[in-house]
Amino acid sequence: MTTLLESLSNELATAVEAGGRAVVAIHARRRIPASGVHWRQGVIVATNHTINRDENITVTLPDGTTAPATLAGRDPSTDLAVLRLAGQSVATAHLRLDSSPSVGEFVIALGRPGPRLTASWGVVSSVAGAWRTWRGGAIDSLLRLDVSIYGGPLIDATGRVLGINSSGLARGTAVAIPVATVERTVGELLERGTIRRAYLGIGTQPVRVPQSLARRLELKNTVGLLIASVESGGPADRDGVLLGDVLLALDGADVSDPTDVLAQLGGDRVGRPIAALVIRGGQLQTLQVTPGERPERRAA
């Protein structure tokens, strides 16, 4: 008679076998290969921080053969990279699109750091709403994991892909980038090669407005962002933002943390003026600032 433990073990092994048919090893860094998943026909997804070069990339397929791949684009802010694989017959990932994982749900992290498949299993430890990474990337939901990860896909107990595992987005904490975020990012990277995001060219740090000044200006929010640096020739510089200004709001939304600024700077804001409420010389002033398209490695 098959015990409950044996049944669970068999089901997990079956899920690993099914999910592993779409997992590949990517040779794009020294020593240990990165893990990727054949997301859709001819398209491989991996974590950006594991793809260390843009050219001379090869992949080891599940059947052990090696094939060339080309980098279609990368997005450091969501830690995703997309590669193109041509002329190969590889199983594509079975994506779980109908529902999100639940706290406590059994999940399996897959990887292929070489010719052989690796797996570890655990549970989803936390599920929360949309969030922004430290680099400004928009993630549809926060999926924290109690599982050892390899940078490849996270699958459920039936082998369906829940997302891409990453240790580079939440200060070393294991999280999964959900399918919805991956799908959106893959589409834009295949089309443009980059993710379009706006930026102002400022460096900020939170500061509390003195009570006397807050009362005189009738401020509801007494925490703002001190403009600590302004990029020469950048959007904010061109539109009159000065060192020492205290930024209180963008387009009417209070800002008290640098991530609040990033939240207002999606790709649709490039070239569209945005109202910036600042304190300058003890007085409130509204500036019209037009964000530019953010070059790589710009924070805000």
C-alpha atoms as a PDB file:
ATOM      1  CA  MET A   1       0.000   0.000   0.000  1.00  0.00           C
ATOM      2  CA  THR A   2       1.418   3.376  -1.037  1.00  0.00           C
ATOM      3  CA  THR A   3       1.849   5.704   1.911  1.00  0.00           C
ATOM      4  CA  LEU A   4       0.944   9.368   1.854  1.00  0.00           C
ATOM      5  CA  LEU A   5       4.649  10.305   1.933  1.00  0.00           C
ATOM      6  CA  GLU A   6       5.425   8.025  -0.989  1.00  0.00           C
ATOM      7  CA  SER A   7       2.536   9.482  -2.956  1.00  0.00           C
ATOM      8  CA  LEU A   8       3.708  13.031  -2.294  1.00  0.00           C
ATOM      9  CA  SER A   9       7.271  12.105  -3.251  1.00  0.00           C
ATOM     10  CA  ASN A  10       6.120  10.570  -6.514  1.00  0.00           C
ATOM     11  CA  GLU A  11       3.973  13.569  -7.392  1.00  0.00           C
ATOM     12  CA  LEU A  12       6.823  16.010  -6.729  1.00  0.00           C
ATOM     13  CA  ALA A  13       9.212  13.910  -8.800  1.00  0.00           C
ATOM     14  CA  THR A  14       6.695  13.885 -11.651  1.00  0.00           C
ATOM     15  CA  ALA A  15       6.358  17.670 -11.405  1.00  0.00           C
ATOM     16  CA  VAL A  16      10.141  18.089 -11.512  1.00  0.00           C
ATOM     17  CA  GLU A  17      10.379  15.872 -14.573  1.00  0.00           C
ATOM     18  CA  ALA A  18       7.636  17.833 -16.351  1.00  0.00           C
ATOM     19  CA  GLY A  19       8.995  21.273 -15.440  1.00  0.00           C
ATOM     20  CA  GLY A  20      12.588  20.279 -16.125  1.00  0.00           C
ATOM     21  CA  ARG A  21      11.888  19.659 -19.810  1.00  0.00           C
ATOM     22  CA  ALA A  22      11.929  23.447 -20.326  1.00  0.00           C
ATOM     23  CA  VAL A  23      14.957  24.259 -18.124  1.00  0.00           C
ATOM     24  CA  VAL A  24      18.298  24.960 -19.811  1.00  0.00           C
ATOM     25  CA  ALA A  25      21.849  25.796 -18.742  1.00  0.00           C
ATOM     26  CA  ILE A  26      23.147  29.135 -20.031  1.00  0.00           C
ATOM     27  CA  HIS A  27      26.873  29.606 -20.594  1.00  0.00           C
ATOM     28  CA  ALA A  28      27.250  33.368 -20.183  1.00  0.00           C
ATOM     29  CA  ARG A  29      29.618  33.696 -17.234  1.00  0.00           C
ATOM     30  CA  ARG A  30      32.696  32.047 -15.815  1.00  0.00           C
ATOM     31  CA  ARG A  31      32.546  28.702 -14.090  1.00  0.00           C
ATOM     32  CA  ILE A  32      29.007  27.589 -13.177  1.00  0.00           C
ATOM     33  CA  PRO A  33      26.413  28.122 -15.935  1.00  0.00           C
ATOM     34  CA  ALA A  34      23.250  30.084 -15.221  1.00  0.00           C
ATOM     35  CA  SER A  35      19.811  28.481 -15.306  1.00  0.00           C
ATOM     36  CA  GLY A  36      17.065  29.573 -17.661  1.00  0.00           C
ATOM     37  CA  VAL A  37      13.629  28.459 -18.785  1.00  0.00           C
ATOM     38  CA  HIS A  38      12.312  28.089 -22.332  1.00  0.00           C
ATOM     39  CA  TRP A  39       9.450  30.520 -21.723  1.00  0.00           C
ATOM     40  CA  ARG A  40       7.883  30.474 -25.170  1.00  0.00           C
ATOM     41  CA  GLN A  41       8.964  29.160 -28.542  1.00  0.00           C
ATOM     42  CA  GLY A  42      12.496  30.371 -29.214  1.00  0.00           C
ATOM     43  CA  VAL A  43      12.606  32.563 -26.078  1.00  0.00           C
ATOM     44  CA  ILE A  44      14.621  31.820 -22.929  1.00  0.00           C
ATOM     45  CA  VAL A  45      14.228  33.781 -19.673  1.00  0.00           C
ATOM     46  CA  ALA A  46      16.872  33.986 -16.952  1.00  0.00           C
ATOM     47  CA  THR A  47      17.865  36.294 -14.130  1.00  0.00           C
ATOM     48  CA  ASN A  48      19.810  39.281 -15.404  1.00  0.00           C
ATOM     49  CA  HIS A  49      22.532  39.165 -12.753  1.00  0.00           C
ATOM     50  CA  THR A  50      23.573  35.674 -13.886  1.00  0.00           C
ATOM     51  CA  ILE A  51      24.093  36.702 -17.549  1.00  0.00           C
ATOM     52  CA  ASN A  52      27.500  38.373 -17.446  1.00  0.00           C
ATOM     53  CA  ARG A  53      28.167  38.795 -21.149  1.00  0.00           C
ATOM     54  CA  ASP A  54      26.148  39.920 -24.140  1.00  0.00           C
ATOM     55  CA  GLU A  55      27.817  37.822 -26.824  1.00  0.00           C
ATOM     56  CA  ASN A  56      29.182  34.311 -27.374  1.00  0.00           C
ATOM     57  CA  ILE A  57      26.348  32.762 -25.380  1.00  0.00           C
ATOM     58  CA  THR A  58      25.480  29.091 -25.646  1.00  0.00           C
ATOM     59  CA  VAL A  59      22.900  26.953 -23.883  1.00  0.00           C
ATOM     60  CA  THR A  60      22.841  23.300 -22.907  1.00  0.00           C
ATOM     61  CA  LEU A  61      19.424  21.863 -23.683  1.00  0.00           C
ATOM     62  CA  PRO A  62      17.660  19.207 -21.592  1.00  0.00           C
ATOM     63  CA  ASP A  63      18.779  16.495 -24.025  1.00  0.00           C
ATOM     64  CA  GLY A  64      22.433  17.461 -23.463  1.00  0.00           C
ATOM     65  CA  THR A  65      23.025  19.165 -26.803  1.00  0.00           C
ATOM     66  CA  THR A  66      24.481  22.665 -27.002  1.00  0.00           C
ATOM     67  CA  ALA A  67      23.113  25.511 -29.126  1.00  0.00           C
ATOM     68  CA  PRO A  68      23.947  29.191 -29.626  1.00  0.00           C
ATOM     69  CA  ALA A  69      21.700  31.909 -28.196  1.00  0.00           C
ATOM     70  CA  THR A  70      21.564  35.680 -28.616  1.00  0.00           C
ATOM     71  CA  LEU A  71      20.699  38.268 -25.994  1.00  0.00           C
ATOM     72  CA  ALA A  72      17.404  39.987 -26.870  1.00  0.00           C
ATOM     73  CA  GLY A  73      17.509  42.405 -23.941  1.00  0.00           C
ATOM     74  CA  ARG A  74      17.912  42.777 -20.206  1.00  0.00           C
ATOM     75  CA  ASP A  75      16.182  44.681 -17.418  1.00  0.00           C
ATOM     76  CA  PRO A  76      18.296  45.084 -14.266  1.00  0.00           C
ATOM     77  CA  SER A  77      15.383  46.661 -12.382  1.00  0.00           C
ATOM     78  CA  THR A  78      13.386  43.398 -12.486  1.00  0.00           C
ATOM     79  CA  ASP A  79      16.496  41.174 -12.720  1.00  0.00           C
ATOM     80  CA  LEU A  80      15.315  39.602 -15.971  1.00  0.00           C
ATOM     81  CA  ALA A  81      17.181  38.814 -19.173  1.00  0.00           C
ATOM     82  CA  VAL A  82      15.720  37.422 -22.387  1.00  0.00           C
ATOM     83  CA  LEU A  83      17.585  35.334 -24.957  1.00  0.00           C
ATOM     84  CA  ARG A  84      16.592  34.077 -28.379  1.00  0.00           C
ATOM     85  CA  LEU A  85      17.091  30.442 -29.328  1.00  0.00           C
ATOM     86  CA  ALA A  86      16.598  29.574 -32.986  1.00  0.00           C
ATOM     87  CA  GLY A  87      15.924  26.285 -34.718  1.00  0.00           C
ATOM     88  CA  GLN A  88      15.753  24.041 -31.652  1.00  0.00           C
ATOM     89  CA  SER A  89      13.016  21.679 -30.565  1.00  0.00           C
ATOM     90  CA  VAL A  90      12.623  22.256 -26.819  1.00  0.00           C
ATOM     91  CA  ALA A  91       9.559  21.939 -24.604  1.00  0.00           C
ATOM     92  CA  THR A  92       8.125  25.286 -23.534  1.00  0.00           C
ATOM     93  CA  ALA A  93       7.177  26.101 -19.970  1.00  0.00           C
ATOM     94  CA  HIS A  94       3.627  25.417 -18.825  1.00  0.00           C
ATOM     95  CA  LEU A  95       2.718  28.739 -17.214  1.00  0.00           C
ATOM     96  CA  ARG A  96       0.243  29.018 -14.350  1.00  0.00           C
ATOM     97  CA  LEU A  97      -1.859  31.992 -15.414  1.00  0.00           C
ATOM     98  CA  ASP A  98      -5.146  31.328 -13.658  1.00  0.00           C
ATOM     99  CA  SER A  99      -4.155  31.959 -10.033  1.00  0.00           C
ATOM    100  CA  SER A 100      -1.384  33.095  -7.707  1.00  0.00           C
ATOM    101  CA  PRO A 101       0.308  30.773  -5.207  1.00  0.00           C
ATOM    102  CA  SER A 102      -0.939  30.708  -1.636  1.00  0.00           C
ATOM    103  CA  VAL A 103       1.043  31.024   1.564  1.00  0.00           C
ATOM    104  CA  GLY A 104       2.131  27.543   2.596  1.00  0.00           C
ATOM    105  CA  GLU A 105       1.739  26.064  -0.879  1.00  0.00           C
ATOM    106  CA  PHE A 106       4.357  23.485  -1.834  1.00  0.00           C
ATOM    107  CA  VAL A 107       6.678  24.818  -4.539  1.00  0.00           C
ATOM    108  CA  ILE A 108       9.787  23.545  -6.292  1.00  0.00           C
ATOM    109  CA  ALA A 109      12.781  25.566  -7.485  1.00  0.00           C
ATOM    110  CA  LEU A 110      14.451  24.130 -10.563  1.00  0.00           C
ATOM    111  CA  GLY A 111      17.856  24.801 -12.044  1.00  0.00           C
ATOM    112  CA  ARG A 112      20.313  23.399 -14.531  1.00  0.00           C
ATOM    113  CA  PRO A 113      23.798  24.596 -13.503  1.00  0.00           C
ATOM    114  CA  GLY A 114      25.287  22.140 -15.968  1.00  0.00           C
ATOM    115  CA  PRO A 115      23.974  19.172 -17.938  1.00  0.00           C
ATOM    116  CA  ARG A 116      21.856  17.815 -15.089  1.00  0.00           C
ATOM    117  CA  LEU A 117      18.680  19.158 -13.528  1.00  0.00           C
ATOM    118  CA  THR A 118      18.622  20.259  -9.869  1.00  0.00           C
ATOM    119  CA  ALA A 119      15.613  20.782  -7.630  1.00  0.00           C
ATOM    120  CA  SER A 120      14.724  21.891  -4.120  1.00  0.00           C
ATOM    121  CA  TRP A 121      11.322  22.113  -2.559  1.00  0.00           C
ATOM    122  CA  GLY A 122       9.706  24.176   0.164  1.00  0.00           C
ATOM    123  CA  VAL A 123       6.783  26.525   0.589  1.00  0.00           C
ATOM    124  CA  VAL A 124       5.678  30.022  -0.299  1.00  0.00           C
ATOM    125  CA  SER A 125       6.327  31.866   2.958  1.00  0.00           C
ATOM    126  CA  SER A 126       4.614  35.171   2.126  1.00  0.00           C
ATOM    127  CA  VAL A 127       2.413  36.703  -0.554  1.00  0.00           C
ATOM    128  CA  ALA A 128       1.900  40.463  -0.767  1.00  0.00           C
ATOM    129  CA  GLY A 129       0.825  43.058  -3.287  1.00  0.00           C
ATOM    130  CA  ALA A 130       2.670  44.966  -5.965  1.00  0.00           C
ATOM    131  CA  TRP A 131       6.084  46.353  -5.003  1.00  0.00           C
ATOM    132  CA  ARG A 132       9.115  48.114  -6.443  1.00  0.00           C
ATOM    133  CA  THR A 133      12.628  46.803  -6.397  1.00  0.00           C
ATOM    134  CA  TRP A 134      15.554  48.885  -5.169  1.00  0.00           C
ATOM    135  CA  ARG A 135      16.261  49.686  -8.832  1.00  0.00           C
ATOM    136  CA  GLY A 136      12.723  50.864  -9.545  1.00  0.00           C
ATOM    137  CA  GLY A 137      11.310  47.774 -11.243  1.00  0.00           C
ATOM    138  CA  ALA A 138       7.571  47.186 -10.887  1.00  0.00           C
ATOM    139  CA  ILE A 139       6.766  43.656  -9.652  1.00  0.00           C
ATOM    140  CA  ASP A 140       3.127  42.561  -9.704  1.00  0.00           C
ATOM    141  CA  SER A 141       3.239  40.675  -6.411  1.00  0.00           C
ATOM    142  CA  LEU A 142       5.758  39.862  -3.709  1.00  0.00           C
ATOM    143  CA  LEU A 143       6.326  36.111  -3.471  1.00  0.00           C
ATOM    144  CA  ARG A 144       8.765  35.235  -0.698  1.00  0.00           C
ATOM    145  CA  LEU A 145      10.055  31.691  -0.626  1.00  0.00           C
ATOM    146  CA  ASP A 146      11.264  29.255   2.001  1.00  0.00           C
ATOM    147  CA  VAL A 147      13.294  27.252  -0.491  1.00  0.00           C
ATOM    148  CA  SER A 148      16.827  27.089  -1.873  1.00  0.00           C
ATOM    149  CA  ILE A 149      16.859  28.670  -5.320  1.00  0.00           C
ATOM    150  CA  TYR A 150      19.014  28.285  -8.426  1.00  0.00           C
ATOM    151  CA  GLY A 151      17.855  31.259 -10.514  1.00  0.00           C
ATOM    152  CA  GLY A 152      15.609  29.110 -12.693  1.00  0.00           C
ATOM    153  CA  PRO A 153      11.823  28.694 -12.600  1.00  0.00           C
ATOM    154  CA  LEU A 154       9.580  28.170  -9.599  1.00  0.00           C
ATOM    155  CA  ILE A 155       6.958  25.502 -10.266  1.00  0.00           C
ATOM    156  CA  ASP A 156       3.950  24.214  -8.395  1.00  0.00           C
ATOM    157  CA  ALA A 157       3.202  20.609  -7.506  1.00  0.00           C
ATOM    158  CA  THR A 158       1.846  19.945 -11.005  1.00  0.00           C
ATOM    159  CA  GLY A 159       4.879  21.342 -12.850  1.00  0.00           C
ATOM    160  CA  ARG A 160       3.328  24.669 -13.853  1.00  0.00           C
ATOM    161  CA  VAL A 161       5.636  27.702 -13.715  1.00  0.00           C
ATOM    162  CA  LEU A 162       4.797  30.336 -11.093  1.00  0.00           C
ATOM    163  CA  GLY A 163       7.690  32.676 -11.886  1.00  0.00           C
ATOM    164  CA  ILE A 164      11.453  33.113 -12.071  1.00  0.00           C
ATOM    165  CA  ASN A 165      13.484  32.802  -8.865  1.00  0.00           C
ATOM    166  CA  SER A 166      15.838  35.646  -7.916  1.00  0.00           C
ATOM    167  CA  SER A 167      18.138  36.436  -5.012  1.00  0.00           C
ATOM    168  CA  GLY A 168      19.113  39.824  -6.457  1.00  0.00           C
ATOM    169  CA  LEU A 169      15.992  41.900  -5.829  1.00  0.00           C
ATOM    170  CA  ALA A 170      15.271  41.853  -2.099  1.00  0.00           C
ATOM    171  CA  ARG A 171      18.612  42.071  -0.259  1.00  0.00           C
ATOM    172  CA  GLY A 172      19.451  38.405  -0.668  1.00  0.00           C
ATOM    173  CA  THR A 173      15.973  37.156   0.195  1.00  0.00           C
ATOM    174  CA  ALA A 174      14.654  34.437  -2.089  1.00  0.00           C
ATOM    175  CA  VAL A 175      11.726  35.761  -4.114  1.00  0.00           C
ATOM    176  CA  ALA A 176       9.976  34.720  -7.286  1.00  0.00           C
ATOM    177  CA  ILE A 177       9.250  37.192 -10.069  1.00  0.00           C
ATOM    178  CA  PRO A 178       5.627  36.294 -10.913  1.00  0.00           C
ATOM    179  CA  VAL A 179       4.484  35.188 -14.344  1.00  0.00           C
ATOM    180  CA  ALA A 180       2.577  38.431 -15.003  1.00  0.00           C
ATOM    181  CA  THR A 181       5.723  40.519 -14.502  1.00  0.00           C
ATOM    182  CA  VAL A 182       7.831  38.172 -16.612  1.00  0.00           C
ATOM    183  CA  GLU A 183       5.291  38.163 -19.451  1.00  0.00           C
ATOM    184  CA  ARG A 184       5.150  41.969 -19.551  1.00  0.00           C
ATOM    185  CA  THR A 185       8.928  42.338 -19.409  1.00  0.00           C
ATOM    186  CA  VAL A 186       9.565  39.656 -22.017  1.00  0.00           C
ATOM    187  CA  GLY A 187       7.181  41.349 -24.433  1.00  0.00           C
ATOM    188  CA  GLU A 188       8.856  44.733 -24.128  1.00  0.00           C
ATOM    189  CA  LEU A 189      12.397  43.362 -24.271  1.00  0.00           C
ATOM    190  CA  LEU A 190      11.611  41.386 -27.411  1.00  0.00           C
ATOM    191  CA  GLU A 191      10.152  44.506 -28.986  1.00  0.00           C
ATOM    192  CA  ARG A 192      12.621  47.172 -27.846  1.00  0.00           C
ATOM    193  CA  GLY A 193      15.589  45.451 -26.209  1.00  0.00           C
ATOM    194  CA  THR A 194      15.201  47.662 -23.118  1.00  0.00           C
ATOM    195  CA  ILE A 195      12.495  48.717 -20.682  1.00  0.00           C
ATOM    196  CA  ARG A 196      11.431  52.330 -21.120  1.00  0.00           C
ATOM    197  CA  ARG A 197      11.404  54.237 -17.822  1.00  0.00           C
ATOM    198  CA  ALA A 198      11.392  57.897 -16.948  1.00  0.00           C
ATOM    199  CA  TYR A 199      13.899  59.702 -14.748  1.00  0.00           C
ATOM    200  CA  LEU A 200      14.489  63.174 -13.332  1.00  0.00           C
ATOM    201  CA  GLY A 201      18.214  63.059 -12.618  1.00  0.00           C
ATOM    202  CA  ILE A 202      18.083  63.779  -8.894  1.00  0.00           C
ATOM    203  CA  GLY A 203      19.475  62.222  -5.740  1.00  0.00           C
ATOM    204  CA  THR A 204      17.301  62.510  -2.646  1.00  0.00           C
ATOM    205  CA  GLN A 205      17.205  61.661   1.016  1.00  0.00           C
ATOM    206  CA  PRO A 206      14.249  61.796   3.428  1.00  0.00           C
ATOM    207  CA  VAL A 207      14.057  64.828   5.705  1.00  0.00           C
ATOM    208  CA  ARG A 208      11.511  66.003   8.265  1.00  0.00           C
ATOM    209  CA  VAL A 209      10.163  69.505   7.801  1.00  0.00           C
ATOM    210  CA  PRO A 210      10.537  71.590  11.009  1.00  0.00           C
ATOM    211  CA  GLN A 211       7.242  71.818  12.878  1.00  0.00           C
ATOM    212  CA  SER A 212       7.140  75.605  12.780  1.00  0.00           C
ATOM    213  CA  LEU A 213       7.588  75.634   8.999  1.00  0.00           C
ATOM    214  CA  ALA A 214       5.112  72.808   8.514  1.00  0.00           C
ATOM    215  CA  ARG A 215       2.493  74.736  10.517  1.00  0.00           C
ATOM    216  CA  ARG A 216       3.116  77.965   8.614  1.00  0.00           C
ATOM    217  CA  LEU A 217       2.835  76.211   5.258  1.00  0.00           C
ATOM    218  CA  GLU A 218      -0.132  74.135   6.492  1.00  0.00           C
ATOM    219  CA  LEU A 219       1.492  70.866   5.452  1.00  0.00           C
ATOM    220  CA  LYS A 220      -0.281  67.574   6.041  1.00  0.00           C
ATOM    221  CA  ASN A 221       2.832  65.557   5.194  1.00  0.00           C
ATOM    222  CA  THR A 222       5.800  66.697   7.279  1.00  0.00           C
ATOM    223  CA  VAL A 223       8.349  64.356   5.660  1.00  0.00           C
ATOM    224  CA  GLY A 224       9.787  65.212   2.268  1.00  0.00           C
ATOM    225  CA  LEU A 225      12.834  64.496   0.151  1.00  0.00           C
ATOM    226  CA  LEU A 226      15.840  66.778   0.295  1.00  0.00           C
ATOM    227  CA  ILE A 227      17.375  67.251  -3.162  1.00  0.00           C
ATOM    228  CA  ALA A 228      20.945  66.185  -2.405  1.00  0.00           C
ATOM    229  CA  SER A 229      22.205  66.054  -6.001  1.00  0.00           C
ATOM    230  CA  VAL A 230      21.081  67.248  -9.417  1.00  0.00           C
ATOM    231  CA  GLU A 231      22.552  65.702 -12.554  1.00  0.00           C
ATOM    232  CA  SER A 232      24.080  68.414 -14.713  1.00  0.00           C
ATOM    233  CA  GLY A 233      22.025  68.780 -17.872  1.00  0.00           C
ATOM    234  CA  GLY A 234      19.452  66.247 -16.679  1.00  0.00           C
ATOM    235  CA  PRO A 235      15.683  66.782 -16.753  1.00  0.00           C
ATOM    236  CA  ALA A 236      15.446  68.280 -13.249  1.00  0.00           C
ATOM    237  CA  ASP A 237      18.432  70.560 -13.869  1.00  0.00           C
ATOM    238  CA  ARG A 238      16.933  71.851 -17.117  1.00  0.00           C
ATOM    239  CA  ASP A 239      13.620  72.576 -15.420  1.00  0.00           C
ATOM    240  CA  GLY A 240      15.010  74.506 -12.478  1.00  0.00           C
ATOM    241  CA  VAL A 241      15.231  72.040  -9.600  1.00  0.00           C
ATOM    242  CA  LEU A 242      17.930  73.213  -7.173  1.00  0.00           C
ATOM    243  CA  LEU A 243      20.116  71.601  -4.542  1.00  0.00           C
ATOM    244  CA  GLY A 244      18.492  72.091  -1.167  1.00  0.00           C
ATOM    245  CA  ASP A 245      14.911  72.052  -2.456  1.00  0.00           C
ATOM    246  CA  VAL A 246      12.650  69.781  -0.428  1.00  0.00           C
ATOM    247  CA  LEU A 247      10.388  67.741  -2.672  1.00  0.00           C
ATOM    248  CA  LEU A 248       6.963  67.122  -1.140  1.00  0.00           C
ATOM    249  CA  ALA A 249       4.823  65.746  -3.960  1.00  0.00           C
ATOM    250  CA  LEU A 250       4.793  64.699  -7.606  1.00  0.00           C
ATOM    251  CA  ASP A 251       1.531  65.117  -9.491  1.00  0.00           C
ATOM    252  CA  GLY A 252      -0.271  65.518  -6.175  1.00  0.00           C
ATOM    253  CA  ALA A 253       1.120  62.285  -4.661  1.00  0.00           C
ATOM    254  CA  ASP A 254       3.143  62.742  -1.462  1.00  0.00           C
ATOM    255  CA  VAL A 255       6.757  61.563  -1.616  1.00  0.00           C
ATOM    256  CA  SER A 256       8.658  60.714   1.548  1.00  0.00           C
ATOM    257  CA  ASP A 257      10.959  57.962   0.281  1.00  0.00           C
ATOM    258  CA  PRO A 258      13.047  57.700  -2.911  1.00  0.00           C
ATOM    259  CA  THR A 259      10.903  54.746  -3.988  1.00  0.00           C
ATOM    260  CA  ASP A 260       7.892  57.077  -4.041  1.00  0.00           C
ATOM    261  CA  VAL A 261       9.619  59.059  -6.791  1.00  0.00           C
ATOM    262  CA  LEU A 262      10.326  55.916  -8.782  1.00  0.00           C
ATOM    263  CA  ALA A 263       6.657  54.946  -8.495  1.00  0.00           C
ATOM    264  CA  GLN A 264       5.715  58.102 -10.401  1.00  0.00           C
ATOM    265  CA  LEU A 265       8.228  57.541 -13.186  1.00  0.00           C
ATOM    266  CA  GLY A 266       6.875  54.802 -15.418  1.00  0.00           C
ATOM    267  CA  GLY A 267       7.693  54.675 -19.098  1.00  0.00           C
ATOM    268  CA  ASP A 268       4.505  56.564 -19.958  1.00  0.00           C
ATOM    269  CA  ARG A 269       5.842  59.659 -18.173  1.00  0.00           C
ATOM    270  CA  VAL A 270       8.758  60.226 -20.558  1.00  0.00           C
ATOM    271  CA  GLY A 271       8.310  63.635 -22.183  1.00  0.00           C
ATOM    272  CA  ARG A 272       5.158  64.481 -20.193  1.00  0.00           C
ATOM    273  CA  PRO A 273       5.427  67.366 -17.693  1.00  0.00           C
ATOM    274  CA  ILE A 274       4.860  66.480 -14.062  1.00  0.00           C
ATOM    275  CA  ALA A 275       4.058  68.934 -11.238  1.00  0.00           C
ATOM    276  CA  ALA A 276       6.684  68.915  -8.495  1.00  0.00           C
ATOM    277  CA  LEU A 277       5.763  70.619  -5.214  1.00  0.00           C
ATOM    278  CA  VAL A 278       8.868  71.814  -3.366  1.00  0.00           C
ATOM    279  CA  ILE A 279       9.853  73.962  -0.430  1.00  0.00           C
ATOM    280  CA  ARG A 280      12.370  76.607  -1.498  1.00  0.00           C
ATOM    281  CA  GLY A 281      13.501  79.437   0.725  1.00  0.00           C
ATOM    282  CA  GLY A 282      10.791  78.646   3.253  1.00  0.00           C
ATOM    283  CA  GLN A 283       8.010  78.924   0.646  1.00  0.00           C
ATOM    284  CA  LEU A 284       5.994  76.437  -1.356  1.00  0.00           C
ATOM    285  CA  GLN A 285       6.647  76.414  -5.081  1.00  0.00           C
ATOM    286  CA  THR A 286       5.309  74.242  -7.881  1.00  0.00           C
ATOM    287  CA  LEU A 287       7.708  73.380 -10.724  1.00  0.00           C
ATOM    288  CA  GLN A 288       6.849  71.750 -14.027  1.00  0.00           C
ATOM    289  CA  VAL A 289       9.463  69.070 -14.642  1.00  0.00           C
ATOM    290  CA  THR A 290       9.545  66.939 -17.791  1.00  0.00           C
ATOM    291  CA  PRO A 291      11.089  63.476 -17.179  1.00  0.00           C
ATOM    292  CA  GLY A 292      13.498  62.078 -19.744  1.00  0.00           C
ATOM    293  CA  GLU A 293      14.064  58.469 -20.722  1.00  0.00           C
ATOM    294  CA  ARG A 294      16.273  56.962 -18.083  1.00  0.00           C
ATOM    295  CA  PRO A 295      19.680  55.721 -19.186  1.00  0.00           C
ATOM    296  CA  GLU A 296      20.912  52.542 -17.558  1.00  0.00           C
ATOM    297  CA  ARG A 297      22.043  52.781 -13.917  1.00  0.00           C
ATOM    298  CA  ARG A 298      20.070  55.925 -13.137  1.00  0.00           C
ATOM    299  CA  ALA A 299      18.223  55.796  -9.812  1.00  0.00           C
ATOM    300  CA  ALA A 300      15.650  58.595 -10.196  1.00  0.00           C
END
